[in-house]
Amino acid sequence: MKTADRICGLVLAGGKSRRMGQDKALLRRNGETQLGLAVRLLQQHLARVFVSARADQSSEPERARFSQIVDRYANLGPLAGILSAMDTDPQAAWLVVACDLPNLDSETIRHLLDERSATQPFTAYRSSVDGMPEPLCGIYNPSARRILDEFVAAGIQCPRKIMMRSDTRLLEARNPRALDNINTPDELSQHAAGLAS
């Protein structure tokens, strides 16, 4: 395992999974939860990996298996977890992934780390669907914190919109399917073969 210096991993697992109707982090594949698979994937590349969770989720048994960063912000969506992580270690860069990427693979993580910009605040993949940044498989450098705070203060909480309007290093995904996420039962059946509740 090659450790990326001063980069921590964060698996976002604090969502309410309203559209899915069940906790996406707990969907299972080959006997392991999506959350467990995502944590293990990041641990192949990074020495420190955390799970982002809401306070009311922190004692849930699967999340409790891992080092957690509990959200310190309310009503900010994924930014709640990202900002809370940056509070925990402001000097680290954070490699952030959502727990609902069933096709995410080691090569995609390795390429993201290898191509990370040391000077631009964000590094992310460009969506193969619409060319927009994919913010929930990306790296947030320490310099991103000021930018995130400014956008939140202006009422903009969407990480994709923030990356679109910022100096973001965009990469082409070698495996575009690695970035497919699952939000609904239909997407689960269409894009996540092998997953089961």
Protein backbone atom coordinates (compact mmCIF):
# COMPACT_ATOMS: atom_id res chain seq x y z
CA MET A 1 0.00 0.00 0.00
CA LYS A 2 1.31 3.40 -0.94
CA THR A 3 0.19 6.05 1.53
CA ALA A 4 -0.65 9.45 0.08
CA ASP A 5 1.01 11.95 2.39
CA ARG A 6 -1.40 14.25 4.21
CA ILE A 7 -4.47 12.96 2.45
CA CYS A 8 -7.27 11.46 4.52
CA GLY A 9 -10.21 9.49 3.23
CA LEU A 10 -13.85 10.29 3.94
CA VAL A 11 -16.79 8.05 3.05
CA LEU A 12 -20.01 10.04 3.07
CA ALA A 13 -22.68 7.95 4.79
CA GLY A 14 -24.82 10.63 6.42
CA GLY A 15 -27.61 10.85 3.88
CA LYS A 16 -31.23 10.01 4.63
CA SER A 17 -31.68 7.78 1.55
CA ARG A 18 -35.22 9.11 1.05
CA ARG A 19 -35.39 8.23 -2.65
CA MET A 20 -34.01 4.74 -2.08
CA GLY A 21 -36.38 3.98 0.78
CA GLN A 22 -33.65 2.15 2.70
CA ASP A 23 -30.21 3.02 4.04
CA LYS A 24 -27.87 2.97 1.02
CA ALA A 25 -24.82 2.47 3.22
CA LEU A 26 -26.24 -0.86 4.39
CA LEU A 27 -26.98 -2.33 0.95
CA ARG A 28 -24.93 -5.51 0.64
CA ARG A 29 -22.81 -7.03 -2.09
CA ASN A 30 -21.01 -10.34 -1.71
CA GLY A 31 -21.76 -10.29 2.00
CA GLU A 32 -20.33 -6.82 2.66
CA THR A 33 -22.10 -3.50 2.98
CA GLN A 34 -21.59 -0.68 0.51
CA LEU A 35 -20.13 1.31 3.40
CA GLY A 36 -17.68 -1.43 4.30
CA LEU A 37 -16.60 -1.85 0.68
CA ALA A 38 -15.99 1.89 0.29
CA VAL A 39 -13.97 2.10 3.51
CA ARG A 40 -11.87 -0.90 2.57
CA LEU A 41 -11.24 0.53 -0.91
CA LEU A 42 -9.91 3.80 0.50
CA GLN A 43 -7.83 1.94 3.08
CA GLN A 44 -5.91 0.32 0.23
CA HIS A 45 -4.53 3.77 -0.61
CA LEU A 46 -4.73 5.91 2.53
CA ALA A 47 -3.58 5.46 6.11
CA ARG A 48 -6.48 7.38 7.67
CA VAL A 49 -10.06 6.77 6.55
CA PHE A 50 -13.20 8.02 8.27
CA VAL A 51 -16.93 7.59 7.89
CA SER A 52 -19.09 10.71 7.83
CA ALA A 53 -22.36 10.31 9.72
CA ARG A 54 -25.10 12.35 11.32
CA ALA A 55 -25.23 12.37 15.12
CA ASP A 56 -28.34 10.19 15.12
CA GLN A 57 -26.52 7.58 13.01
CA SER A 58 -23.28 7.36 14.98
CA SER A 59 -24.35 4.39 17.10
CA GLU A 60 -25.74 2.42 14.14
CA PRO A 61 -23.73 -0.84 14.30
CA GLU A 62 -22.23 -0.77 10.81
CA ARG A 63 -21.09 2.85 11.04
CA ALA A 64 -19.84 2.26 14.58
CA ARG A 65 -17.32 -0.29 13.22
CA PHE A 66 -15.28 2.53 11.71
CA SER A 67 -13.61 5.76 12.76
CA GLN A 68 -16.28 8.41 12.42
CA ILE A 69 -16.55 12.13 11.92
CA VAL A 70 -19.98 13.24 13.11
CA ASP A 71 -21.59 16.12 11.23
CA ARG A 72 -21.20 19.48 12.96
CA TYR A 73 -23.49 21.25 10.50
CA ALA A 74 -27.17 20.82 9.71
CA ASN A 75 -29.04 21.09 6.43
CA LEU A 76 -25.95 21.29 4.20
CA GLY A 77 -26.20 17.90 2.50
CA PRO A 78 -22.81 16.37 1.63
CA LEU A 79 -21.06 19.61 2.57
CA ALA A 80 -21.93 18.93 6.21
CA GLY A 81 -19.64 15.92 6.18
CA ILE A 82 -16.92 17.57 4.13
CA LEU A 83 -16.77 20.70 6.29
CA SER A 84 -16.83 18.60 9.47
CA ALA A 85 -13.87 16.59 8.17
CA MET A 86 -11.97 19.78 7.35
CA ASP A 87 -12.67 21.00 10.89
CA THR A 88 -11.19 17.75 12.23
CA ASP A 89 -7.92 18.13 10.29
CA PRO A 90 -7.66 21.51 8.54
CA GLN A 91 -4.16 20.81 7.21
CA ALA A 92 -5.06 17.58 5.43
CA ALA A 93 -6.42 17.14 1.96
CA TRP A 94 -9.57 15.02 1.96
CA LEU A 95 -10.38 12.37 -0.62
CA VAL A 96 -14.16 12.23 -0.44
CA VAL A 97 -16.33 9.44 -1.84
CA ALA A 98 -20.03 8.74 -1.51
CA CYS A 99 -21.08 5.37 -0.12
CA ASP A 100 -23.44 4.83 -3.07
CA LEU A 101 -20.87 4.18 -5.82
CA PRO A 102 -21.13 0.39 -6.24
CA ASN A 103 -18.74 0.26 -9.19
CA LEU A 104 -15.97 2.39 -7.68
CA ASP A 105 -12.64 0.64 -8.13
CA SER A 106 -9.06 0.88 -6.96
CA GLU A 107 -7.75 2.17 -10.29
CA THR A 108 -10.17 5.12 -10.15
CA ILE A 109 -8.93 6.04 -6.66
CA ARG A 110 -5.29 5.56 -7.63
CA HIS A 111 -5.65 7.77 -10.71
CA LEU A 112 -7.35 10.48 -8.66
CA LEU A 113 -4.51 10.46 -6.14
CA ASP A 114 -1.79 10.38 -8.80
CA GLU A 115 -3.31 13.32 -10.68
CA ARG A 116 -4.28 15.42 -7.67
CA SER A 117 -3.44 19.09 -8.06
CA ALA A 118 -1.25 20.44 -5.30
CA THR A 119 -2.21 24.02 -6.11
CA GLN A 120 -5.86 23.97 -7.20
CA PRO A 121 -8.41 23.60 -4.39
CA PHE A 122 -10.33 20.73 -6.00
CA THR A 123 -9.51 17.67 -8.08
CA ALA A 124 -12.40 15.64 -9.48
CA TYR A 125 -13.51 13.56 -12.41
CA ARG A 126 -15.49 14.99 -15.27
CA SER A 127 -18.86 13.27 -15.71
CA SER A 128 -19.02 11.22 -18.90
CA VAL A 129 -22.73 12.09 -19.07
CA ASP A 130 -22.73 15.90 -18.91
CA GLY A 131 -19.08 16.95 -18.55
CA MET A 132 -19.71 18.44 -15.11
CA PRO A 133 -17.50 17.74 -12.07
CA GLU A 134 -18.25 14.66 -9.99
CA PRO A 135 -17.72 16.13 -6.51
CA LEU A 136 -18.44 12.98 -4.51
CA CYS A 137 -15.35 11.23 -5.80
CA GLY A 138 -12.87 14.05 -5.46
CA ILE A 139 -10.08 15.61 -3.46
CA TYR A 140 -10.56 18.75 -1.41
CA ASN A 141 -7.28 20.48 -0.61
CA PRO A 142 -6.99 22.62 2.55
CA SER A 143 -7.32 25.74 0.36
CA ALA A 144 -10.86 24.61 -0.54
CA ARG A 145 -12.15 25.46 2.93
CA ARG A 146 -12.29 29.21 2.40
CA ILE A 147 -14.03 28.71 -0.95
CA LEU A 148 -16.62 26.35 0.52
CA ASP A 149 -17.35 28.77 3.35
CA GLU A 150 -17.84 31.64 0.90
CA PHE A 151 -20.28 29.67 -1.23
CA VAL A 152 -22.25 28.47 1.80
CA ALA A 153 -22.47 32.06 3.05
CA ALA A 154 -23.89 32.99 -0.37
CA GLY A 155 -26.52 30.25 -0.11
CA ILE A 156 -24.86 27.78 -2.49
CA GLN A 157 -24.53 24.32 -0.94
CA CYS A 158 -24.20 22.08 -4.00
CA PRO A 159 -20.64 20.72 -4.26
CA ARG A 160 -20.99 20.31 -8.03
CA LYS A 161 -21.97 23.95 -8.52
CA ILE A 162 -19.11 25.04 -6.27
CA MET A 163 -16.58 23.03 -8.29
CA MET A 164 -18.04 24.34 -11.55
CA ARG A 165 -17.49 27.92 -10.40
CA SER A 166 -14.04 27.34 -8.90
CA ASP A 167 -10.55 26.45 -10.04
CA THR A 168 -11.03 22.68 -10.28
CA ARG A 169 -8.66 20.18 -11.87
CA LEU A 170 -10.90 17.90 -13.92
CA LEU A 171 -9.81 14.41 -14.89
CA GLU A 172 -11.17 12.01 -17.46
CA ALA A 173 -12.36 8.79 -15.84
CA ARG A 174 -10.76 5.67 -17.27
CA ASN A 175 -13.80 3.69 -16.11
CA PRO A 176 -16.83 6.02 -16.32
CA ARG A 177 -19.09 3.37 -14.77
CA ALA A 178 -17.05 3.63 -11.58
CA LEU A 179 -18.85 6.91 -10.90
CA ASP A 180 -22.40 5.57 -11.32
CA ASN A 181 -24.33 6.21 -8.14
CA ILE A 182 -27.55 4.68 -6.89
CA ASN A 183 -30.32 6.84 -5.48
CA THR A 184 -33.51 4.94 -6.30
CA PRO A 185 -34.68 1.32 -6.47
CA ASP A 186 -34.70 1.60 -10.28
CA GLU A 187 -31.06 2.72 -10.33
CA LEU A 188 -30.23 -0.09 -7.95
CA SER A 189 -31.62 -2.65 -10.37
CA GLN A 190 -30.18 -0.97 -13.48
CA HIS A 191 -26.68 -0.05 -12.40
CA ALA A 192 -25.74 -2.11 -9.37
CA ALA A 193 -25.88 -5.72 -10.40
CA GLY A 194 -24.93 -7.88 -7.47
CA LEU A 195 -26.21 -5.53 -4.79
CA ALA A 196 -28.98 -6.74 -2.54
CA SER A 197 -30.64 -5.38 0.56
